């Protein structure tokens, strides 16, 4: 973390996932207790990088309202270096909520840009995870809807965009 980005043994030639939801990460990592997931890192990205990842993304799964046909979905997925999937958002008790949390998979074609240009810094927030599990939610980051363009919202099945027209 002293370098401010990922270094070896980080693998640039595989899919790397951005999971912006704190409680979804707590669900996934078991409050930073699952084997190999004992540390939770907050990756601070530039807005330009995050927007670029979304602009390059396609859905990981077929949605008739978005793609029309399975063939159109397959073509979009193959052409895109970034994939998006939606999983149930989680509350502080890690129970599913009625809305979805975005998961952004960066393929090898964009991982270099992510590591070398888009990451601003990396913070170890494992202590925040442990305190939150114990009931102290004071350090949990505030999460708000992220504004996206109408084109990105339509392509990623977001419904009405949250801004930017």
N, C-alpha and C. Protein backbone atom coordinates (compact mmCIF):
# COMPACT_ATOMS: atom_id res chain seq x y z
N UNK A 1 0.82 -1.20 0.00
CA UNK A 1 0.00 0.00 0.00
C UNK A 1 0.86 1.26 0.00
N UNK A 2 2.11 1.14 0.40
CA UNK A 2 2.99 2.29 0.37
C UNK A 2 3.17 2.80 -1.05
N UNK A 3 3.04 1.92 -2.04
CA UNK A 3 3.20 2.30 -3.44
C UNK A 3 1.93 3.00 -3.95
N UNK A 4 0.79 2.71 -3.36
CA UNK A 4 -0.46 3.35 -3.74
C UNK A 4 -1.24 2.64 -4.83
N UNK A 5 -0.73 1.49 -5.27
CA UNK A 5 -1.43 0.70 -6.27
C UNK A 5 -1.02 -0.76 -6.08
N UNK A 6 -1.50 -1.63 -6.95
CA UNK A 6 -1.16 -3.04 -6.84
C UNK A 6 0.19 -3.32 -7.49
N UNK A 7 0.97 -4.18 -6.83
CA UNK A 7 2.27 -4.61 -7.34
C UNK A 7 2.32 -6.13 -7.26
N UNK A 8 3.37 -6.72 -7.84
CA UNK A 8 3.53 -8.17 -7.78
C UNK A 8 3.46 -8.62 -6.32
N UNK A 9 2.76 -9.71 -6.07
CA UNK A 9 2.32 -10.75 -6.97
C UNK A 9 0.93 -10.54 -7.59
N UNK A 10 0.41 -9.31 -7.56
CA UNK A 10 -0.85 -9.02 -8.23
C UNK A 10 -0.74 -9.44 -9.69
N UNK A 11 -1.77 -10.11 -10.19
CA UNK A 11 -1.74 -10.62 -11.56
C UNK A 11 -2.56 -9.72 -12.48
N UNK A 12 -1.88 -9.12 -13.44
CA UNK A 12 -2.53 -8.23 -14.39
C UNK A 12 -3.20 -8.98 -15.54
N UNK A 13 -2.97 -10.27 -15.66
CA UNK A 13 -3.48 -11.02 -16.80
C UNK A 13 -4.76 -11.78 -16.49
N UNK A 14 -5.46 -11.39 -15.44
CA UNK A 14 -6.72 -12.06 -15.11
C UNK A 14 -7.78 -11.02 -14.76
N UNK A 15 -9.01 -11.48 -14.65
CA UNK A 15 -10.12 -10.60 -14.30
C UNK A 15 -9.91 -10.06 -12.88
N UNK A 16 -10.10 -8.75 -12.74
CA UNK A 16 -10.00 -8.08 -11.44
C UNK A 16 -11.35 -7.42 -11.17
N UNK A 17 -11.88 -7.63 -9.97
CA UNK A 17 -13.23 -7.15 -9.66
C UNK A 17 -13.21 -5.92 -8.77
N UNK A 18 -14.04 -4.94 -9.15
CA UNK A 18 -14.31 -3.76 -8.33
C UNK A 18 -15.68 -4.00 -7.71
N UNK A 19 -15.73 -3.93 -6.39
CA UNK A 19 -16.98 -4.14 -5.67
C UNK A 19 -17.20 -2.94 -4.75
N UNK A 20 -17.92 -1.94 -5.25
CA UNK A 20 -18.04 -0.68 -4.51
C UNK A 20 -18.86 -0.73 -3.23
N UNK A 21 -19.67 -1.74 -3.03
CA UNK A 21 -20.54 -1.78 -1.85
C UNK A 21 -19.81 -2.36 -0.64
N UNK A 22 -19.71 -1.57 0.42
CA UNK A 22 -19.04 -2.02 1.65
C UNK A 22 -19.71 -3.26 2.22
N UNK A 23 -21.02 -3.22 2.41
CA UNK A 23 -21.69 -4.37 3.04
C UNK A 23 -21.73 -5.60 2.13
N UNK A 24 -21.74 -5.39 0.82
CA UNK A 24 -21.65 -6.55 -0.06
C UNK A 24 -20.28 -7.20 0.12
N UNK A 25 -19.23 -6.38 0.25
CA UNK A 25 -17.89 -6.94 0.49
C UNK A 25 -17.81 -7.65 1.83
N UNK A 26 -18.51 -7.13 2.82
CA UNK A 26 -18.50 -7.80 4.13
C UNK A 26 -19.20 -9.15 4.02
N UNK A 27 -20.29 -9.19 3.26
CA UNK A 27 -20.98 -10.45 3.01
C UNK A 27 -20.05 -11.42 2.30
N UNK A 28 -19.38 -10.94 1.26
CA UNK A 28 -18.52 -11.79 0.43
C UNK A 28 -17.31 -12.31 1.21
N UNK A 29 -16.73 -11.45 2.07
CA UNK A 29 -15.51 -11.81 2.79
C UNK A 29 -15.78 -12.37 4.19
N UNK A 30 -17.04 -12.44 4.58
CA UNK A 30 -17.35 -12.90 5.93
C UNK A 30 -16.75 -12.00 6.99
N UNK A 31 -16.93 -10.70 6.81
CA UNK A 31 -16.36 -9.71 7.72
C UNK A 31 -14.84 -9.87 7.80
N UNK A 32 -14.21 -10.13 6.67
CA UNK A 32 -12.75 -10.27 6.56
C UNK A 32 -12.23 -11.47 7.36
N UNK A 33 -13.01 -12.55 7.36
CA UNK A 33 -12.57 -13.76 8.08
C UNK A 33 -12.41 -14.97 7.17
N UNK A 34 -12.93 -14.93 5.95
CA UNK A 34 -12.79 -16.08 5.06
C UNK A 34 -11.34 -16.26 4.63
N UNK A 35 -10.96 -17.50 4.45
CA UNK A 35 -9.59 -17.82 4.05
C UNK A 35 -9.20 -17.06 2.78
N UNK A 36 -8.09 -16.36 2.84
CA UNK A 36 -7.63 -15.58 1.70
C UNK A 36 -8.30 -14.22 1.57
N UNK A 37 -9.23 -13.91 2.47
CA UNK A 37 -9.94 -12.63 2.44
C UNK A 37 -9.89 -11.94 3.80
N UNK A 38 -8.80 -12.13 4.50
CA UNK A 38 -8.66 -11.60 5.86
C UNK A 38 -8.35 -10.12 5.90
N UNK A 39 -8.11 -9.52 4.76
CA UNK A 39 -7.89 -8.08 4.68
C UNK A 39 -8.88 -7.49 3.68
N UNK A 40 -9.36 -6.30 4.02
CA UNK A 40 -10.27 -5.58 3.14
C UNK A 40 -9.58 -4.28 2.74
N UNK A 41 -9.49 -4.07 1.44
CA UNK A 41 -8.84 -2.88 0.93
C UNK A 41 -9.86 -1.98 0.25
N UNK A 42 -9.76 -0.70 0.51
CA UNK A 42 -10.58 0.29 -0.19
C UNK A 42 -9.70 0.90 -1.28
N UNK A 43 -10.09 0.68 -2.51
CA UNK A 43 -9.34 1.21 -3.64
C UNK A 43 -9.99 2.52 -4.06
N UNK A 44 -9.23 3.59 -3.96
CA UNK A 44 -9.72 4.91 -4.38
C UNK A 44 -9.37 5.09 -5.85
N UNK A 45 -10.40 5.23 -6.67
CA UNK A 45 -10.21 5.38 -8.11
C UNK A 45 -10.56 6.79 -8.55
N UNK A 46 -9.94 7.20 -9.65
CA UNK A 46 -10.33 8.48 -10.24
C UNK A 46 -11.72 8.33 -10.84
N UNK A 47 -12.43 9.42 -10.85
CA UNK A 47 -13.76 9.42 -11.47
C UNK A 47 -13.64 9.11 -12.96
N UNK A 48 -12.60 9.63 -13.60
CA UNK A 48 -12.37 9.37 -15.02
C UNK A 48 -12.21 7.86 -15.24
N UNK A 49 -11.45 7.19 -14.41
CA UNK A 49 -11.24 5.75 -14.55
C UNK A 49 -12.50 4.96 -14.32
N UNK A 50 -13.23 5.32 -13.27
CA UNK A 50 -14.47 4.59 -12.97
C UNK A 50 -15.48 4.77 -14.10
N UNK A 51 -15.60 6.00 -14.59
CA UNK A 51 -16.50 6.26 -15.71
C UNK A 51 -16.07 5.49 -16.95
N UNK A 52 -14.78 5.43 -17.19
CA UNK A 52 -14.27 4.70 -18.36
C UNK A 52 -14.60 3.22 -18.25
N UNK A 53 -14.42 2.65 -17.06
CA UNK A 53 -14.76 1.24 -16.86
C UNK A 53 -16.24 1.00 -17.18
N UNK A 54 -17.11 1.87 -16.71
CA UNK A 54 -18.54 1.71 -16.99
C UNK A 54 -18.85 1.89 -18.47
N UNK A 55 -18.17 2.83 -19.12
CA UNK A 55 -18.38 3.05 -20.56
C UNK A 55 -17.99 1.83 -21.39
N UNK A 56 -16.98 1.09 -20.94
CA UNK A 56 -16.49 -0.08 -21.67
C UNK A 56 -17.25 -1.35 -21.31
N UNK A 57 -18.13 -1.29 -20.33
CA UNK A 57 -18.74 -2.50 -19.77
C UNK A 57 -19.92 -3.02 -20.57
N UNK A 58 -20.12 -4.31 -20.43
CA UNK A 58 -21.34 -4.97 -20.89
C UNK A 58 -21.80 -5.89 -19.77
N UNK A 59 -23.06 -6.25 -19.81
CA UNK A 59 -23.60 -7.14 -18.79
C UNK A 59 -23.03 -8.55 -18.93
N UNK A 60 -22.81 -9.20 -17.81
CA UNK A 60 -22.29 -10.57 -17.81
C UNK A 60 -23.37 -11.59 -18.14
N UNK A 61 -24.61 -11.14 -18.15
CA UNK A 61 -25.74 -12.04 -18.38
C UNK A 61 -26.72 -11.40 -19.37
N UNK A 62 -27.48 -12.23 -20.03
CA UNK A 62 -28.47 -11.77 -21.01
C UNK A 62 -29.65 -11.12 -20.33
N UNK A 63 -30.04 -9.96 -20.84
CA UNK A 63 -31.26 -9.25 -20.42
C UNK A 63 -32.01 -8.86 -21.69
N UNK A 64 -33.18 -9.43 -21.88
CA UNK A 64 -33.94 -9.19 -23.11
C UNK A 64 -34.20 -7.70 -23.34
N UNK A 65 -34.52 -6.96 -22.28
CA UNK A 65 -34.80 -5.53 -22.42
C UNK A 65 -33.58 -4.72 -22.84
N UNK A 66 -32.40 -5.23 -22.53
CA UNK A 66 -31.16 -4.53 -22.86
C UNK A 66 -30.62 -4.97 -24.20
N UNK A 67 -30.59 -6.28 -24.45
CA UNK A 67 -29.90 -6.83 -25.61
C UNK A 67 -30.80 -7.21 -26.78
N UNK A 68 -32.03 -7.50 -26.53
CA UNK A 68 -32.92 -7.93 -27.60
C UNK A 68 -32.77 -9.40 -27.91
N UNK A 69 -31.56 -9.81 -28.30
CA UNK A 69 -31.33 -11.21 -28.65
C UNK A 69 -30.10 -11.74 -27.92
N UNK A 70 -30.04 -13.06 -27.80
CA UNK A 70 -28.85 -13.68 -27.19
C UNK A 70 -27.61 -13.40 -28.04
N UNK A 71 -27.77 -13.36 -29.34
CA UNK A 71 -26.63 -13.09 -30.23
C UNK A 71 -26.08 -11.69 -30.01
N UNK A 72 -26.96 -10.70 -29.84
CA UNK A 72 -26.51 -9.33 -29.58
C UNK A 72 -25.77 -9.26 -28.24
N UNK A 73 -26.28 -9.96 -27.23
CA UNK A 73 -25.61 -10.01 -25.94
C UNK A 73 -24.23 -10.66 -26.07
N UNK A 74 -24.15 -11.77 -26.76
CA UNK A 74 -22.88 -12.48 -26.92
C UNK A 74 -21.84 -11.58 -27.61
N UNK A 75 -22.26 -10.88 -28.65
CA UNK A 75 -21.34 -9.97 -29.36
C UNK A 75 -20.86 -8.84 -28.45
N UNK A 76 -21.79 -8.25 -27.70
CA UNK A 76 -21.42 -7.17 -26.78
C UNK A 76 -20.46 -7.67 -25.71
N UNK A 77 -20.74 -8.83 -25.18
CA UNK A 77 -19.90 -9.40 -24.12
C UNK A 77 -18.50 -9.70 -24.64
N UNK A 78 -18.41 -10.28 -25.84
CA UNK A 78 -17.11 -10.61 -26.42
C UNK A 78 -16.30 -9.36 -26.76
N UNK A 79 -16.96 -8.29 -27.14
CA UNK A 79 -16.27 -7.07 -27.54
C UNK A 79 -15.82 -6.23 -26.35
N UNK A 80 -16.42 -6.44 -25.20
CA UNK A 80 -16.16 -5.58 -24.06
C UNK A 80 -15.05 -6.13 -23.16
N UNK A 81 -14.12 -5.26 -22.76
CA UNK A 81 -13.08 -5.68 -21.83
C UNK A 81 -13.51 -5.61 -20.36
N UNK A 82 -14.75 -5.15 -20.14
CA UNK A 82 -15.27 -4.99 -18.77
C UNK A 82 -16.65 -5.63 -18.72
N UNK A 83 -16.93 -6.36 -17.65
CA UNK A 83 -18.27 -6.91 -17.49
C UNK A 83 -18.86 -6.44 -16.17
N UNK A 84 -20.17 -6.37 -16.15
CA UNK A 84 -20.90 -5.95 -14.96
C UNK A 84 -21.90 -7.04 -14.60
N UNK A 85 -21.96 -7.33 -13.32
CA UNK A 85 -23.03 -8.18 -12.82
C UNK A 85 -23.65 -7.49 -11.62
N UNK A 86 -24.87 -7.85 -11.34
CA UNK A 86 -25.64 -7.23 -10.27
C UNK A 86 -25.98 -8.31 -9.24
N UNK A 87 -25.66 -8.03 -7.99
CA UNK A 87 -25.95 -8.95 -6.89
C UNK A 87 -26.78 -8.22 -5.85
N UNK A 88 -27.56 -8.95 -5.06
CA UNK A 88 -28.37 -8.26 -4.05
C UNK A 88 -27.50 -7.43 -3.09
N UNK A 89 -27.86 -6.17 -2.94
CA UNK A 89 -27.19 -5.33 -1.95
C UNK A 89 -27.46 -5.92 -0.57
N UNK A 90 -26.64 -5.58 0.39
CA UNK A 90 -26.75 -6.11 1.75
C UNK A 90 -26.86 -4.98 2.76
N UNK A 91 -27.56 -5.27 3.86
CA UNK A 91 -27.64 -4.30 4.94
C UNK A 91 -26.55 -4.60 5.98
N UNK A 92 -26.54 -3.87 7.09
CA UNK A 92 -25.51 -4.04 8.11
C UNK A 92 -25.53 -5.41 8.76
N UNK A 93 -26.65 -6.13 8.64
CA UNK A 93 -26.73 -7.51 9.14
C UNK A 93 -26.42 -8.51 8.02
N UNK A 94 -26.01 -8.00 6.87
CA UNK A 94 -25.66 -8.77 5.68
C UNK A 94 -26.84 -9.51 5.06
N UNK A 95 -28.03 -9.01 5.36
CA UNK A 95 -29.24 -9.57 4.75
C UNK A 95 -29.49 -8.87 3.42
N UNK A 96 -30.04 -9.61 2.43
CA UNK A 96 -30.27 -9.00 1.12
C UNK A 96 -31.32 -7.89 1.19
N UNK A 97 -31.08 -6.86 0.40
CA UNK A 97 -32.02 -5.74 0.26
C UNK A 97 -32.72 -5.87 -1.10
N UNK A 98 -33.66 -5.00 -1.34
CA UNK A 98 -34.47 -5.11 -2.56
C UNK A 98 -33.77 -4.53 -3.79
N UNK A 99 -32.65 -3.87 -3.64
CA UNK A 99 -31.93 -3.35 -4.79
C UNK A 99 -30.60 -4.06 -4.94
N UNK A 100 -29.94 -3.80 -6.06
CA UNK A 100 -28.74 -4.54 -6.44
C UNK A 100 -27.47 -3.71 -6.26
N UNK A 101 -26.38 -4.41 -5.98
CA UNK A 101 -25.05 -3.82 -5.89
C UNK A 101 -24.28 -4.19 -7.16
N UNK A 102 -23.59 -3.23 -7.72
CA UNK A 102 -22.83 -3.48 -8.95
C UNK A 102 -21.49 -4.15 -8.62
N UNK A 103 -21.10 -5.07 -9.47
CA UNK A 103 -19.79 -5.70 -9.43
C UNK A 103 -19.19 -5.48 -10.82
N UNK A 104 -18.00 -4.92 -10.89
CA UNK A 104 -17.39 -4.55 -12.16
C UNK A 104 -16.14 -5.38 -12.37
N UNK A 105 -16.17 -6.23 -13.38
CA UNK A 105 -15.04 -7.09 -13.68
C UNK A 105 -14.17 -6.49 -14.78
N UNK A 106 -12.93 -6.18 -14.44
CA UNK A 106 -12.00 -5.61 -15.40
C UNK A 106 -11.18 -6.74 -16.01
N UNK A 107 -11.30 -6.89 -17.32
CA UNK A 107 -10.54 -7.91 -18.02
C UNK A 107 -9.10 -7.46 -18.23
N UNK A 108 -8.24 -8.40 -18.64
CA UNK A 108 -6.82 -8.10 -18.81
C UNK A 108 -6.53 -6.92 -19.73
N UNK A 109 -7.41 -6.63 -20.69
CA UNK A 109 -7.16 -5.51 -21.61
C UNK A 109 -7.23 -4.14 -20.94
N UNK A 110 -7.85 -4.04 -19.75
CA UNK A 110 -7.94 -2.74 -19.07
C UNK A 110 -7.28 -2.73 -17.70
N UNK A 111 -6.77 -3.86 -17.25
CA UNK A 111 -6.17 -3.91 -15.91
C UNK A 111 -4.96 -2.99 -15.81
N UNK A 112 -4.14 -2.88 -16.88
CA UNK A 112 -2.99 -1.97 -16.82
C UNK A 112 -3.44 -0.53 -16.56
N UNK A 113 -4.48 -0.08 -17.26
CA UNK A 113 -4.97 1.28 -17.03
C UNK A 113 -5.48 1.43 -15.60
N UNK A 114 -6.18 0.42 -15.11
CA UNK A 114 -6.68 0.45 -13.73
C UNK A 114 -5.52 0.62 -12.75
N UNK A 115 -4.54 -0.25 -12.85
CA UNK A 115 -3.42 -0.25 -11.90
C UNK A 115 -2.54 0.99 -12.05
N UNK A 116 -2.23 1.37 -13.29
CA UNK A 116 -1.25 2.43 -13.53
C UNK A 116 -1.83 3.83 -13.60
N UNK A 117 -3.15 3.96 -13.91
CA UNK A 117 -3.71 5.30 -14.11
C UNK A 117 -4.91 5.60 -13.22
N UNK A 118 -5.79 4.64 -13.05
CA UNK A 118 -7.06 4.93 -12.40
C UNK A 118 -7.01 4.87 -10.88
N UNK A 119 -6.15 4.07 -10.31
CA UNK A 119 -6.07 3.96 -8.85
C UNK A 119 -5.34 5.17 -8.30
N UNK A 120 -5.99 5.83 -7.34
CA UNK A 120 -5.39 6.98 -6.68
C UNK A 120 -4.65 6.57 -5.41
N UNK A 121 -5.24 5.63 -4.67
CA UNK A 121 -4.59 5.10 -3.47
C UNK A 121 -5.35 3.87 -2.99
N UNK A 122 -4.72 3.14 -2.12
CA UNK A 122 -5.34 1.95 -1.53
C UNK A 122 -5.22 2.06 -0.02
N UNK A 123 -6.34 1.88 0.67
CA UNK A 123 -6.37 1.94 2.13
C UNK A 123 -6.78 0.58 2.68
N UNK A 124 -6.10 0.14 3.72
CA UNK A 124 -6.50 -1.07 4.43
C UNK A 124 -7.63 -0.68 5.38
N UNK A 125 -8.82 -1.21 5.14
CA UNK A 125 -9.98 -0.89 5.97
C UNK A 125 -10.47 -2.11 6.76
N UNK A 126 -9.56 -3.05 6.99
CA UNK A 126 -9.91 -4.24 7.75
C UNK A 126 -10.41 -3.88 9.14
N UNK A 127 -9.80 -2.88 9.77
CA UNK A 127 -10.25 -2.47 11.10
C UNK A 127 -11.67 -1.92 11.06
N UNK A 128 -12.03 -1.23 9.99
CA UNK A 128 -13.40 -0.73 9.82
C UNK A 128 -14.36 -1.91 9.73
N UNK A 129 -13.96 -2.94 8.98
CA UNK A 129 -14.80 -4.15 8.86
C UNK A 129 -15.02 -4.79 10.22
N UNK A 130 -13.97 -4.93 10.98
CA UNK A 130 -14.07 -5.58 12.30
C UNK A 130 -14.94 -4.75 13.25
N UNK A 131 -14.76 -3.43 13.23
CA UNK A 131 -15.58 -2.57 14.09
C UNK A 131 -17.04 -2.61 13.66
N UNK A 132 -17.28 -2.62 12.36
CA UNK A 132 -18.66 -2.67 11.85
C UNK A 132 -19.33 -3.98 12.25
N UNK A 133 -18.59 -5.08 12.16
CA UNK A 133 -19.16 -6.36 12.57
C UNK A 133 -19.56 -6.34 14.05
N UNK A 134 -18.80 -5.61 14.85
CA UNK A 134 -19.08 -5.50 16.29
C UNK A 134 -20.19 -4.49 16.58
N UNK A 135 -20.72 -3.84 15.53
CA UNK A 135 -21.84 -2.92 15.71
C UNK A 135 -21.49 -1.45 15.60
N UNK A 136 -20.19 -1.11 15.50
CA UNK A 136 -19.78 0.28 15.37
C UNK A 136 -19.76 0.64 13.89
N UNK A 137 -20.81 1.30 13.43
CA UNK A 137 -20.93 1.65 12.02
C UNK A 137 -20.44 3.06 11.71
N UNK A 138 -19.80 3.70 12.69
CA UNK A 138 -19.41 5.10 12.52
C UNK A 138 -18.40 5.33 11.41
N UNK A 139 -17.56 4.36 11.10
CA UNK A 139 -16.54 4.54 10.06
C UNK A 139 -16.95 3.93 8.72
N UNK A 140 -18.14 3.34 8.65
CA UNK A 140 -18.58 2.74 7.38
C UNK A 140 -18.81 3.87 6.38
N UNK A 141 -18.28 3.72 5.19
CA UNK A 141 -18.44 4.80 4.20
C UNK A 141 -19.90 5.02 3.81
N UNK A 142 -20.22 6.29 3.58
CA UNK A 142 -21.54 6.64 3.09
C UNK A 142 -21.57 6.34 1.59
N UNK A 143 -22.58 5.61 1.15
CA UNK A 143 -22.69 5.25 -0.26
C UNK A 143 -23.92 5.91 -0.85
N UNK A 144 -23.71 6.56 -2.01
CA UNK A 144 -24.80 7.23 -2.69
C UNK A 144 -24.89 6.71 -4.12
N UNK A 145 -26.04 6.88 -4.76
CA UNK A 145 -26.14 6.51 -6.18
C UNK A 145 -25.09 7.26 -6.99
N UNK A 146 -24.51 6.57 -7.93
CA UNK A 146 -23.47 7.16 -8.77
C UNK A 146 -24.11 7.65 -10.06
N UNK A 147 -23.86 8.91 -10.44
CA UNK A 147 -24.46 9.44 -11.67
C UNK A 147 -23.82 8.83 -12.91
N UNK A 148 -24.65 8.34 -13.81
CA UNK A 148 -24.17 7.78 -15.08
C UNK A 148 -24.98 8.38 -16.23
N UNK A 149 -24.44 8.26 -17.42
CA UNK A 149 -25.14 8.75 -18.59
C UNK A 149 -26.31 7.83 -18.93
N UNK A 150 -27.22 8.33 -19.72
CA UNK A 150 -28.37 7.52 -20.17
C UNK A 150 -27.89 6.31 -20.96
N UNK A 151 -26.83 6.47 -21.76
CA UNK A 151 -26.31 5.36 -22.56
C UNK A 151 -25.76 4.25 -21.67
N UNK A 152 -24.99 4.62 -20.65
CA UNK A 152 -24.44 3.62 -19.73
C UNK A 152 -25.57 2.95 -18.96
N UNK A 153 -26.51 3.73 -18.47
CA UNK A 153 -27.64 3.17 -17.72
C UNK A 153 -28.40 2.15 -18.56
N UNK A 154 -28.64 2.47 -19.82
CA UNK A 154 -29.38 1.55 -20.69
C UNK A 154 -28.58 0.29 -20.97
N UNK A 155 -27.29 0.44 -21.26
CA UNK A 155 -26.45 -0.70 -21.60
C UNK A 155 -26.24 -1.66 -20.43
N UNK A 156 -26.27 -1.12 -19.19
CA UNK A 156 -26.02 -1.94 -18.02
C UNK A 156 -27.29 -2.29 -17.24
N UNK A 157 -28.43 -2.01 -17.85
CA UNK A 157 -29.69 -2.41 -17.24
C UNK A 157 -30.01 -1.69 -15.96
N UNK A 158 -29.64 -0.42 -15.89
CA UNK A 158 -29.83 0.36 -14.67
C UNK A 158 -31.19 1.05 -14.60
N UNK A 159 -31.97 0.97 -15.63
CA UNK A 159 -33.23 1.72 -15.62
C UNK A 159 -32.93 3.19 -15.87
N UNK A 160 -33.67 4.04 -15.20
CA UNK A 160 -33.49 5.47 -15.40
C UNK A 160 -32.12 5.90 -14.89
N UNK A 161 -31.40 6.74 -15.67
CA UNK A 161 -30.09 7.19 -15.22
C UNK A 161 -30.22 8.08 -14.00
N UNK A 162 -29.12 8.16 -13.22
CA UNK A 162 -29.12 8.98 -12.01
C UNK A 162 -28.50 10.34 -12.27
N UNK A 163 -28.38 10.73 -13.50
CA UNK A 163 -27.82 12.04 -13.81
C UNK A 163 -27.08 12.02 -15.15
N UNK A 164 -26.47 13.08 -15.49
CA UNK A 164 -25.61 13.25 -16.65
C UNK A 164 -26.25 13.16 -18.02
N UNK A 165 -27.53 12.89 -18.18
CA UNK A 165 -28.19 12.88 -19.47
C UNK A 165 -27.44 12.33 -20.57
